[in-house]
Amino acid sequence: MTDAMPDEIERRSIKIDRVTEIMKLGVRRAMAFIGSAERYAAIPPPASLSLSTMAGFRVLPDPLPDETAEAYQREFVLWSLGNALAELDRFFHLYLDQVWHVAELVKDGPALRADREIVSIERQTNAAAKLTQVTDRIGAADQQSPHWATLANVRNCLMHQAGHVTPAKANHDGRLRVSWRRFESAIETDGGERFVMNERDEPLYLENGGRVVVIVADHHVDFEVGEQVLIRAQHLSEICLYYQMAAEQISRALVEHCRAKGLDIVGRAGAAPG
């Protein structure tokens, strides 16, 4: 296929900010969905869900019984959280597609021609496989880990199985596992004990005190077959950051790849999420 030259490329320059902005937008949207769901879950459910316009028929009682209203509120929150994961995956694909597109345009050096034939990877729907293609192409550090497969698995469970774990989705010792890499805040004592504070809701009292450390660690949550997947908003925010960190690392590698091809870079790679 032949594509027109994208806005990210002008003559001999790469506007790297426009590439990284794709993933930043996905992270912002996912965080907005998570925040909206969190706030909606904290208020009393509406007594009526009838449409504001005049509908020809009505399928819900009005007003709703309290138990029904609470159930619909709970399902809407789960649906919103599932969509947050879907947005991260969708924008990660769009981001990787654009990184690949830029790599295709510069493959023969700085002579950027709008009529250059571009090989696309848009039909690749597996994020982990697409990530491998992209990182191999631009010489990025190996990012292969089981995390990407687990994130795709739990997203599919939320979107296609009403959030209930089926045997087909139980990918780890008969359970569904979702995992990611995160920053952990912890308290370490002189005796070598470490207390991770990320999930702690209550104060921690240590007789002899301790020191605060921040580490990068893998984290996971398991769900049993038949259980409904409910990922905490805090965990979803950590997953957002995981996607953002992956994109920043890839963008830095893309910068070096383009420079090696003789192109100038406009903007910064690996900037903080917008």
C-alpha atoms as a PDB file:
ATOM      1  CA  MET A   1       0.000   0.000   0.000  1.00  0.00           C
ATOM      2  CA  THR A   2       1.076   3.616  -0.485  1.00  0.00           C
ATOM      3  CA  ASP A   3       0.263   6.172   2.169  1.00  0.00           C
ATOM      4  CA  ALA A   4       0.612   9.925   2.159  1.00  0.00           C
ATOM      5  CA  MET A   5       3.334  11.303   4.329  1.00  0.00           C
ATOM      6  CA  PRO A   6       1.919  11.721   7.868  1.00  0.00           C
ATOM      7  CA  ASP A   7       2.030  14.956   9.844  1.00  0.00           C
ATOM      8  CA  GLU A   8       4.568  13.340  12.187  1.00  0.00           C
ATOM      9  CA  ILE A   9       7.201  13.610   9.431  1.00  0.00           C
ATOM     10  CA  GLU A  10       8.241  16.813   7.704  1.00  0.00           C
ATOM     11  CA  ARG A  11      11.139  16.708   5.243  1.00  0.00           C
ATOM     12  CA  ARG A  12      14.022  15.330   7.306  1.00  0.00           C
ATOM     13  CA  SER A  13      12.476  15.683  10.766  1.00  0.00           C
ATOM     14  CA  ILE A  14      10.391  13.450  13.020  1.00  0.00           C
ATOM     15  CA  LYS A  15       7.819  15.099  15.306  1.00  0.00           C
ATOM     16  CA  ILE A  16       8.154  12.533  18.061  1.00  0.00           C
ATOM     17  CA  ASP A  17       5.653  14.245  20.377  1.00  0.00           C
ATOM     18  CA  ARG A  18       2.845  13.529  17.909  1.00  0.00           C
ATOM     19  CA  VAL A  19       3.673   9.834  18.010  1.00  0.00           C
ATOM     20  CA  THR A  20       3.883   9.541  21.802  1.00  0.00           C
ATOM     21  CA  GLU A  21       0.725  11.637  22.190  1.00  0.00           C
ATOM     22  CA  ILE A  22      -1.300   8.710  20.829  1.00  0.00           C
ATOM     23  CA  MET A  23      -0.583   6.581  23.910  1.00  0.00           C
ATOM     24  CA  LYS A  24      -0.917   9.554  26.247  1.00  0.00           C
ATOM     25  CA  LEU A  25      -4.415  10.156  24.903  1.00  0.00           C
ATOM     26  CA  GLY A  26      -5.321   6.530  25.560  1.00  0.00           C
ATOM     27  CA  VAL A  27      -4.030   6.765  29.121  1.00  0.00           C
ATOM     28  CA  ARG A  28      -5.972   9.990  29.744  1.00  0.00           C
ATOM     29  CA  ARG A  29      -9.183   8.431  28.442  1.00  0.00           C
ATOM     30  CA  ALA A  30      -8.726   5.282  30.527  1.00  0.00           C
ATOM     31  CA  MET A  31      -8.023   7.311  33.664  1.00  0.00           C
ATOM     32  CA  ALA A  32     -11.134   9.427  32.981  1.00  0.00           C
ATOM     33  CA  PHE A  33     -13.255   6.264  32.705  1.00  0.00           C
ATOM     34  CA  ILE A  34     -11.767   4.895  35.931  1.00  0.00           C
ATOM     35  CA  GLY A  35     -12.350   8.158  37.796  1.00  0.00           C
ATOM     36  CA  SER A  36     -15.913   8.436  36.504  1.00  0.00           C
ATOM     37  CA  ALA A  37     -16.694   4.863  37.544  1.00  0.00           C
ATOM     38  CA  GLU A  38     -15.197   5.439  40.979  1.00  0.00           C
ATOM     39  CA  ARG A  39     -17.337   8.524  41.550  1.00  0.00           C
ATOM     40  CA  TYR A  40     -20.504   6.922  40.204  1.00  0.00           C
ATOM     41  CA  ALA A  41     -19.998   3.960  42.537  1.00  0.00           C
ATOM     42  CA  ALA A  42     -19.789   6.323  45.519  1.00  0.00           C
ATOM     43  CA  ILE A  43     -23.207   7.953  45.049  1.00  0.00           C
ATOM     44  CA  PRO A  44     -26.702   6.483  45.563  1.00  0.00           C
ATOM     45  CA  PRO A  45     -27.937   4.762  42.385  1.00  0.00           C
ATOM     46  CA  PRO A  46     -30.610   6.647  40.426  1.00  0.00           C
ATOM     47  CA  ALA A  47     -34.181   5.616  41.171  1.00  0.00           C
ATOM     48  CA  SER A  48     -35.081   5.889  37.473  1.00  0.00           C
ATOM     49  CA  LEU A  49     -33.195   4.914  34.320  1.00  0.00           C
ATOM     50  CA  SER A  50     -35.953   5.834  31.898  1.00  0.00           C
ATOM     51  CA  LEU A  51     -34.832   7.726  28.822  1.00  0.00           C
ATOM     52  CA  SER A  52     -35.334  11.477  28.906  1.00  0.00           C
ATOM     53  CA  THR A  53     -36.960  11.361  25.461  1.00  0.00           C
ATOM     54  CA  MET A  54     -40.391   9.938  24.758  1.00  0.00           C
ATOM     55  CA  ALA A  55     -39.817   6.279  23.953  1.00  0.00           C
ATOM     56  CA  GLY A  56     -42.388   4.068  22.270  1.00  0.00           C
ATOM     57  CA  PHE A  57     -41.922   1.328  24.859  1.00  0.00           C
ATOM     58  CA  ARG A  58     -40.444   0.891  28.324  1.00  0.00           C
ATOM     59  CA  VAL A  59     -38.404  -2.115  29.451  1.00  0.00           C
ATOM     60  CA  LEU A  60     -37.460  -0.993  32.964  1.00  0.00           C
ATOM     61  CA  PRO A  61     -39.791  -0.359  35.899  1.00  0.00           C
ATOM     62  CA  ASP A  62     -40.008   3.256  36.989  1.00  0.00           C
ATOM     63  CA  PRO A  63     -39.070   3.819  39.709  1.00  0.00           C
ATOM     64  CA  LEU A  64     -36.563   0.973  40.008  1.00  0.00           C
ATOM     65  CA  PRO A  65     -36.602  -1.305  43.047  1.00  0.00           C
ATOM     66  CA  ASP A  66     -33.607  -0.487  45.248  1.00  0.00           C
ATOM     67  CA  GLU A  67     -31.988  -3.872  44.656  1.00  0.00           C
ATOM     68  CA  THR A  68     -32.330  -3.534  40.875  1.00  0.00           C
ATOM     69  CA  ALA A  69     -30.930   0.000  40.879  1.00  0.00           C
ATOM     70  CA  GLU A  70     -27.908  -1.117  42.900  1.00  0.00           C
ATOM     71  CA  ALA A  71     -27.327  -4.070  40.556  1.00  0.00           C
ATOM     72  CA  TYR A  72     -27.385  -1.853  37.447  1.00  0.00           C
ATOM     73  CA  GLN A  73     -25.032   0.620  39.117  1.00  0.00           C
ATOM     74  CA  ARG A  74     -22.607  -2.197  39.939  1.00  0.00           C
ATOM     75  CA  GLU A  75     -22.769  -3.564  36.383  1.00  0.00           C
ATOM     76  CA  PHE A  76     -22.197  -0.105  34.901  1.00  0.00           C
ATOM     77  CA  VAL A  77     -19.091   0.375  37.037  1.00  0.00           C
ATOM     78  CA  LEU A  78     -17.714  -3.017  35.897  1.00  0.00           C
ATOM     79  CA  TRP A  79     -18.522  -2.128  32.275  1.00  0.00           C
ATOM     80  CA  SER A  80     -16.692   1.199  32.623  1.00  0.00           C
ATOM     81  CA  LEU A  81     -13.594  -0.445  34.106  1.00  0.00           C
ATOM     82  CA  GLY A  82     -13.578  -3.004  31.304  1.00  0.00           C
ATOM     83  CA  ASN A  83     -13.759  -0.187  28.782  1.00  0.00           C
ATOM     84  CA  ALA A  84     -10.789   1.482  30.452  1.00  0.00           C
ATOM     85  CA  LEU A  85      -8.710  -1.629  29.738  1.00  0.00           C
ATOM     86  CA  ALA A  86     -10.102  -1.757  26.212  1.00  0.00           C
ATOM     87  CA  GLU A  87      -9.066   1.865  25.614  1.00  0.00           C
ATOM     88  CA  LEU A  88      -5.517   1.142  26.783  1.00  0.00           C
ATOM     89  CA  ASP A  89      -5.268  -1.820  24.412  1.00  0.00           C
ATOM     90  CA  ARG A  90      -6.839   0.071  21.501  1.00  0.00           C
ATOM     91  CA  PHE A  91      -4.549   3.067  21.807  1.00  0.00           C
ATOM     92  CA  PHE A  92      -1.503   0.852  22.374  1.00  0.00           C
ATOM     93  CA  HIS A  93      -2.268  -0.780  19.022  1.00  0.00           C
ATOM     94  CA  LEU A  94      -2.678   2.642  17.367  1.00  0.00           C
ATOM     95  CA  TYR A  95       0.583   3.803  18.928  1.00  0.00           C
ATOM     96  CA  LEU A  96       2.510   0.708  17.792  1.00  0.00           C
ATOM     97  CA  ASP A  97       1.026   1.059  14.294  1.00  0.00           C
ATOM     98  CA  GLN A  98       2.343   4.621  14.087  1.00  0.00           C
ATOM     99  CA  VAL A  99       5.797   3.682  15.409  1.00  0.00           C
ATOM    100  CA  TRP A 100       5.966   0.976  12.750  1.00  0.00           C
ATOM    101  CA  HIS A 101       4.751   3.443  10.100  1.00  0.00           C
ATOM    102  CA  VAL A 102       7.537   5.866  10.959  1.00  0.00           C
ATOM    103  CA  ALA A 103      10.098   3.036  10.883  1.00  0.00           C
ATOM    104  CA  GLU A 104       8.844   2.088   7.415  1.00  0.00           C
ATOM    105  CA  LEU A 105       9.146   5.657   6.150  1.00  0.00           C
ATOM    106  CA  VAL A 106      12.739   6.041   7.321  1.00  0.00           C
ATOM    107  CA  LYS A 107      13.949   2.549   6.418  1.00  0.00           C
ATOM    108  CA  ASP A 108      16.006   3.859   3.474  1.00  0.00           C
ATOM    109  CA  GLY A 109      17.352   6.947   5.214  1.00  0.00           C
ATOM    110  CA  PRO A 110      16.392  10.622   5.308  1.00  0.00           C
ATOM    111  CA  ALA A 111      15.030  10.837   1.769  1.00  0.00           C
ATOM    112  CA  LEU A 112      11.394  10.880   2.909  1.00  0.00           C
ATOM    113  CA  ARG A 113       9.149  10.325  -0.084  1.00  0.00           C
ATOM    114  CA  ALA A 114       5.371  10.478   0.209  1.00  0.00           C
ATOM    115  CA  ASP A 115       5.033   7.740  -2.443  1.00  0.00           C
ATOM    116  CA  ARG A 116       7.135   5.224  -0.521  1.00  0.00           C
ATOM    117  CA  GLU A 117       5.479   1.823  -0.234  1.00  0.00           C
ATOM    118  CA  ILE A 118       4.494   1.121   3.367  1.00  0.00           C
ATOM    119  CA  VAL A 119       4.086  -2.341   4.835  1.00  0.00           C
ATOM    120  CA  SER A 120       1.375  -2.175   7.508  1.00  0.00           C
ATOM    121  CA  ILE A 121       0.920  -4.265  10.660  1.00  0.00           C
ATOM    122  CA  GLU A 122      -2.571  -2.941  11.408  1.00  0.00           C
ATOM    123  CA  ARG A 123      -4.136  -6.367  10.813  1.00  0.00           C
ATOM    124  CA  GLN A 124      -2.125  -7.843  13.687  1.00  0.00           C
ATOM    125  CA  THR A 125      -4.604  -7.867  16.571  1.00  0.00           C
ATOM    126  CA  ASN A 126      -2.374  -9.486  19.210  1.00  0.00           C
ATOM    127  CA  ALA A 127      -0.693  -6.700  21.173  1.00  0.00           C
ATOM    128  CA  ALA A 128       2.169  -8.889  22.404  1.00  0.00           C
ATOM    129  CA  ALA A 129       2.968 -10.104  18.873  1.00  0.00           C
ATOM    130  CA  LYS A 130       2.739  -6.572  17.457  1.00  0.00           C
ATOM    131  CA  LEU A 131       5.001  -5.293  20.243  1.00  0.00           C
ATOM    132  CA  THR A 132       7.622  -7.903  19.323  1.00  0.00           C
ATOM    133  CA  GLN A 133       7.482  -6.860  15.661  1.00  0.00           C
ATOM    134  CA  VAL A 134       7.944  -3.198  16.554  1.00  0.00           C
ATOM    135  CA  THR A 135      10.728  -3.629  19.113  1.00  0.00           C
ATOM    136  CA  ASP A 136      12.634  -5.989  16.820  1.00  0.00           C
ATOM    137  CA  ARG A 137      12.322  -3.485  13.985  1.00  0.00           C
ATOM    138  CA  ILE A 138      13.610  -0.423  15.824  1.00  0.00           C
ATOM    139  CA  GLY A 139      16.059  -2.158  18.154  1.00  0.00           C
ATOM    140  CA  ALA A 140      14.158  -1.447  21.372  1.00  0.00           C
ATOM    141  CA  ALA A 141      14.910  -3.386  24.533  1.00  0.00           C
ATOM    142  CA  ASP A 142      13.138  -6.722  24.759  1.00  0.00           C
ATOM    143  CA  GLN A 143       9.794  -6.113  26.469  1.00  0.00           C
ATOM    144  CA  GLN A 144       8.508  -9.656  26.238  1.00  0.00           C
ATOM    145  CA  SER A 145       6.769 -10.660  29.433  1.00  0.00           C
ATOM    146  CA  PRO A 146       3.619 -12.581  30.337  1.00  0.00           C
ATOM    147  CA  HIS A 147       1.973  -9.319  31.386  1.00  0.00           C
ATOM    148  CA  TRP A 148       0.699  -8.390  27.910  1.00  0.00           C
ATOM    149  CA  ALA A 149      -1.036 -11.729  27.388  1.00  0.00           C
ATOM    150  CA  THR A 150      -2.722 -11.558  30.806  1.00  0.00           C
ATOM    151  CA  LEU A 151      -3.952  -8.011  30.179  1.00  0.00           C
ATOM    152  CA  ALA A 152      -5.474  -9.050  26.844  1.00  0.00           C
ATOM    153  CA  ASN A 153      -7.046 -12.089  28.504  1.00  0.00           C
ATOM    154  CA  VAL A 154      -8.722 -10.154  31.308  1.00  0.00           C
ATOM    155  CA  ARG A 155      -9.906  -7.462  28.885  1.00  0.00           C
ATOM    156  CA  ASN A 156     -11.549 -10.136  26.719  1.00  0.00           C
ATOM    157  CA  CYS A 157     -13.157 -11.639  29.822  1.00  0.00           C
ATOM    158  CA  LEU A 158     -14.602  -8.275  30.808  1.00  0.00           C
ATOM    159  CA  MET A 159     -15.813  -7.398  27.326  1.00  0.00           C
ATOM    160  CA  HIS A 160     -17.090 -10.776  26.098  1.00  0.00           C
ATOM    161  CA  GLN A 161     -17.910 -12.859  29.189  1.00  0.00           C
ATOM    162  CA  ALA A 162     -19.728 -10.214  31.267  1.00  0.00           C
ATOM    163  CA  GLY A 163     -16.671 -10.197  33.520  1.00  0.00           C
ATOM    164  CA  HIS A 164     -17.104 -13.819  34.655  1.00  0.00           C
ATOM    165  CA  VAL A 165     -14.110 -16.138  34.527  1.00  0.00           C
ATOM    166  CA  THR A 166     -14.685 -19.130  32.268  1.00  0.00           C
ATOM    167  CA  PRO A 167     -12.470 -22.250  32.182  1.00  0.00           C
ATOM    168  CA  ALA A 168     -11.148 -21.111  28.795  1.00  0.00           C
ATOM    169  CA  LYS A 169      -9.865 -17.875  30.370  1.00  0.00           C
ATOM    170  CA  ALA A 170      -8.329 -19.590  33.418  1.00  0.00           C
ATOM    171  CA  ASN A 171      -4.772 -19.247  32.160  1.00  0.00           C
ATOM    172  CA  HIS A 172      -2.817 -19.879  35.360  1.00  0.00           C
ATOM    173  CA  ASP A 173      -3.232 -23.029  37.455  1.00  0.00           C
ATOM    174  CA  GLY A 174      -6.986 -23.065  36.884  1.00  0.00           C
ATOM    175  CA  ARG A 175      -7.406 -19.358  37.657  1.00  0.00           C
ATOM    176  CA  LEU A 176      -7.423 -16.193  35.601  1.00  0.00           C
ATOM    177  CA  ARG A 177      -4.323 -14.129  36.327  1.00  0.00           C
ATOM    178  CA  VAL A 178      -3.772 -10.504  35.389  1.00  0.00           C
ATOM    179  CA  SER A 179      -0.297  -9.090  35.941  1.00  0.00           C
ATOM    180  CA  TRP A 180       1.654  -5.916  35.318  1.00  0.00           C
ATOM    181  CA  ARG A 181       4.764  -4.037  36.449  1.00  0.00           C
ATOM    182  CA  ARG A 182       4.358  -1.198  38.916  1.00  0.00           C
ATOM    183  CA  PHE A 183       6.077   1.137  41.327  1.00  0.00           C
ATOM    184  CA  GLU A 184       5.756  -0.098  44.898  1.00  0.00           C
ATOM    185  CA  SER A 185       6.123   2.122  47.951  1.00  0.00           C
ATOM    186  CA  ALA A 186       7.334   0.102  50.902  1.00  0.00           C
ATOM    187  CA  ILE A 187       8.671   0.444  54.425  1.00  0.00           C
ATOM    188  CA  GLU A 188      11.825  -1.521  55.186  1.00  0.00           C
ATOM    189  CA  THR A 189      13.021  -2.263  58.694  1.00  0.00           C
ATOM    190  CA  ASP A 190      16.573  -2.846  59.871  1.00  0.00           C
ATOM    191  CA  GLY A 191      15.595  -6.488  60.377  1.00  0.00           C
ATOM    192  CA  GLY A 192      14.941  -6.929  56.647  1.00  0.00           C
ATOM    193  CA  GLU A 193      11.134  -6.855  56.760  1.00  0.00           C
ATOM    194  CA  ARG A 194       9.369  -5.078  53.902  1.00  0.00           C
ATOM    195  CA  PHE A 195       5.791  -3.798  54.103  1.00  0.00           C
ATOM    196  CA  VAL A 196       4.276  -2.836  50.738  1.00  0.00           C
ATOM    197  CA  MET A 197       1.984   0.152  51.205  1.00  0.00           C
ATOM    198  CA  ASN A 198       0.184   0.241  47.830  1.00  0.00           C
ATOM    199  CA  GLU A 199      -2.856  -1.721  49.027  1.00  0.00           C
ATOM    200  CA  ARG A 200      -2.688  -0.772  52.692  1.00  0.00           C
ATOM    201  CA  ASP A 201      -5.694   1.250  53.875  1.00  0.00           C
ATOM    202  CA  GLU A 202      -4.643   1.541  57.517  1.00  0.00           C
ATOM    203  CA  PRO A 203      -1.601   3.166  59.173  1.00  0.00           C
ATOM    204  CA  LEU A 204       1.437   1.005  59.819  1.00  0.00           C
ATOM    205  CA  TYR A 205       3.022   1.255  63.261  1.00  0.00           C
ATOM    206  CA  LEU A 206       6.624   0.041  63.658  1.00  0.00           C
ATOM    207  CA  GLU A 207       8.200   0.078  67.083  1.00  0.00           C
ATOM    208  CA  ASN A 208      11.682   0.850  65.773  1.00  0.00           C
ATOM    209  CA  GLY A 209      10.660   2.745  62.653  1.00  0.00           C
ATOM    210  CA  GLY A 210      11.884   2.046  59.145  1.00  0.00           C
ATOM    211  CA  ARG A 211      12.832   3.648  55.871  1.00  0.00           C
ATOM    212  CA  VAL A 212      10.712   4.350  52.805  1.00  0.00           C
ATOM    213  CA  VAL A 213      11.800   2.715  49.547  1.00  0.00           C
ATOM    214  CA  VAL A 214      10.302   2.763  46.047  1.00  0.00           C
ATOM    215  CA  ILE A 215      10.925  -0.250  43.843  1.00  0.00           C
ATOM    216  CA  VAL A 216       9.751  -1.519  40.464  1.00  0.00           C
ATOM    217  CA  ALA A 217       8.123  -4.916  40.887  1.00  0.00           C
ATOM    218  CA  ASP A 218       5.809  -7.335  39.110  1.00  0.00           C
ATOM    219  CA  HIS A 219       2.347  -7.652  40.615  1.00  0.00           C
ATOM    220  CA  HIS A 220      -0.591  -9.947  39.904  1.00  0.00           C
ATOM    221  CA  VAL A 221      -4.174 -10.658  40.930  1.00  0.00           C
ATOM    222  CA  ASP A 222      -5.908 -14.042  40.481  1.00  0.00           C
ATOM    223  CA  PHE A 223      -9.612 -14.808  39.954  1.00  0.00           C
ATOM    224  CA  GLU A 224     -11.300 -18.193  40.302  1.00  0.00           C
ATOM    225  CA  VAL A 225     -13.464 -19.818  37.594  1.00  0.00           C
ATOM    226  CA  GLY A 226     -17.002 -18.454  37.971  1.00  0.00           C
ATOM    227  CA  GLU A 227     -15.802 -15.386  39.867  1.00  0.00           C
ATOM    228  CA  GLN A 228     -16.610 -11.950  38.505  1.00  0.00           C
ATOM    229  CA  VAL A 229     -13.525  -9.953  37.676  1.00  0.00           C
ATOM    230  CA  LEU A 230     -13.307  -6.762  39.679  1.00  0.00           C
ATOM    231  CA  ILE A 231     -10.017  -4.914  39.327  1.00  0.00           C
ATOM    232  CA  ARG A 232      -9.499  -2.158  41.859  1.00  0.00           C
ATOM    233  CA  ALA A 233      -9.262   1.388  40.528  1.00  0.00           C
ATOM    234  CA  GLN A 234      -5.792   1.685  42.057  1.00  0.00           C
ATOM    235  CA  HIS A 235      -4.625  -1.376  40.144  1.00  0.00           C
ATOM    236  CA  LEU A 236      -6.098   0.003  36.936  1.00  0.00           C
ATOM    237  CA  SER A 237      -4.207   3.260  37.438  1.00  0.00           C
ATOM    238  CA  GLU A 238      -1.002   1.230  37.865  1.00  0.00           C
ATOM    239  CA  ILE A 239      -1.784  -0.612  34.628  1.00  0.00           C
ATOM    240  CA  CYS A 240      -2.236   2.757  32.903  1.00  0.00           C
ATOM    241  CA  LEU A 241       1.237   3.748  34.043  1.00  0.00           C
ATOM    242  CA  TYR A 242       2.618   0.404  32.855  1.00  0.00           C
ATOM    243  CA  TYR A 243       1.327   1.087  29.334  1.00  0.00           C
ATOM    244  CA  GLN A 244       2.717   4.610  29.463  1.00  0.00           C
ATOM    245  CA  MET A 245       6.164   3.452  30.598  1.00  0.00           C
ATOM    246  CA  ALA A 246       6.267   0.869  27.803  1.00  0.00           C
ATOM    247  CA  ALA A 247       5.400   3.531  25.232  1.00  0.00           C
ATOM    248  CA  GLU A 248       8.050   5.905  26.578  1.00  0.00           C
ATOM    249  CA  GLN A 249      10.723   3.226  26.270  1.00  0.00           C
ATOM    250  CA  ILE A 250       9.657   2.446  22.712  1.00  0.00           C
ATOM    251  CA  SER A 251       9.604   6.154  21.793  1.00  0.00           C
ATOM    252  CA  ARG A 252      13.160   6.593  23.047  1.00  0.00           C
ATOM    253  CA  ALA A 253      14.241   3.649  20.907  1.00  0.00           C
ATOM    254  CA  LEU A 254      12.407   5.154  17.906  1.00  0.00           C
ATOM    255  CA  VAL A 255      14.314   8.414  18.395  1.00  0.00           C
ATOM    256  CA  GLU A 256      17.649   6.588  18.304  1.00  0.00           C
ATOM    257  CA  HIS A 257      16.517   4.526  15.312  1.00  0.00           C
ATOM    258  CA  CYS A 258      15.592   7.670  13.352  1.00  0.00           C
ATOM    259  CA  ARG A 259      18.797   9.454  14.305  1.00  0.00           C
ATOM    260  CA  ALA A 260      20.777   6.475  13.063  1.00  0.00           C
ATOM    261  CA  LYS A 261      18.944   6.904   9.753  1.00  0.00           C
ATOM    262  CA  GLY A 262      20.048  10.540   9.552  1.00  0.00           C
ATOM    263  CA  LEU A 263      16.867  12.308  10.623  1.00  0.00           C
ATOM    264  CA  ASP A 264      16.401  15.152  13.076  1.00  0.00           C
ATOM    265  CA  ILE A 265      14.077  14.809  16.061  1.00  0.00           C
ATOM    266  CA  VAL A 266      11.550  17.474  17.010  1.00  0.00           C
ATOM    267  CA  GLY A 267      10.121  17.236  20.554  1.00  0.00           C
ATOM    268  CA  ARG A 268      10.900  14.781  23.339  1.00  0.00           C
ATOM    269  CA  ALA A 269      10.392  11.071  23.793  1.00  0.00           C
ATOM    270  CA  GLY A 270       9.451   9.685  27.176  1.00  0.00           C
ATOM    271  CA  ALA A 271       7.814  12.850  28.496  1.00  0.00           C
ATOM    272  CA  ALA A 272       5.504  12.531  31.493  1.00  0.00           C
ATOM    273  CA  PRO A 273       1.919  11.491  30.764  1.00  0.00           C
ATOM    274  CA  GLY A 274      -0.229  14.439  29.783  1.00  0.00           C
END
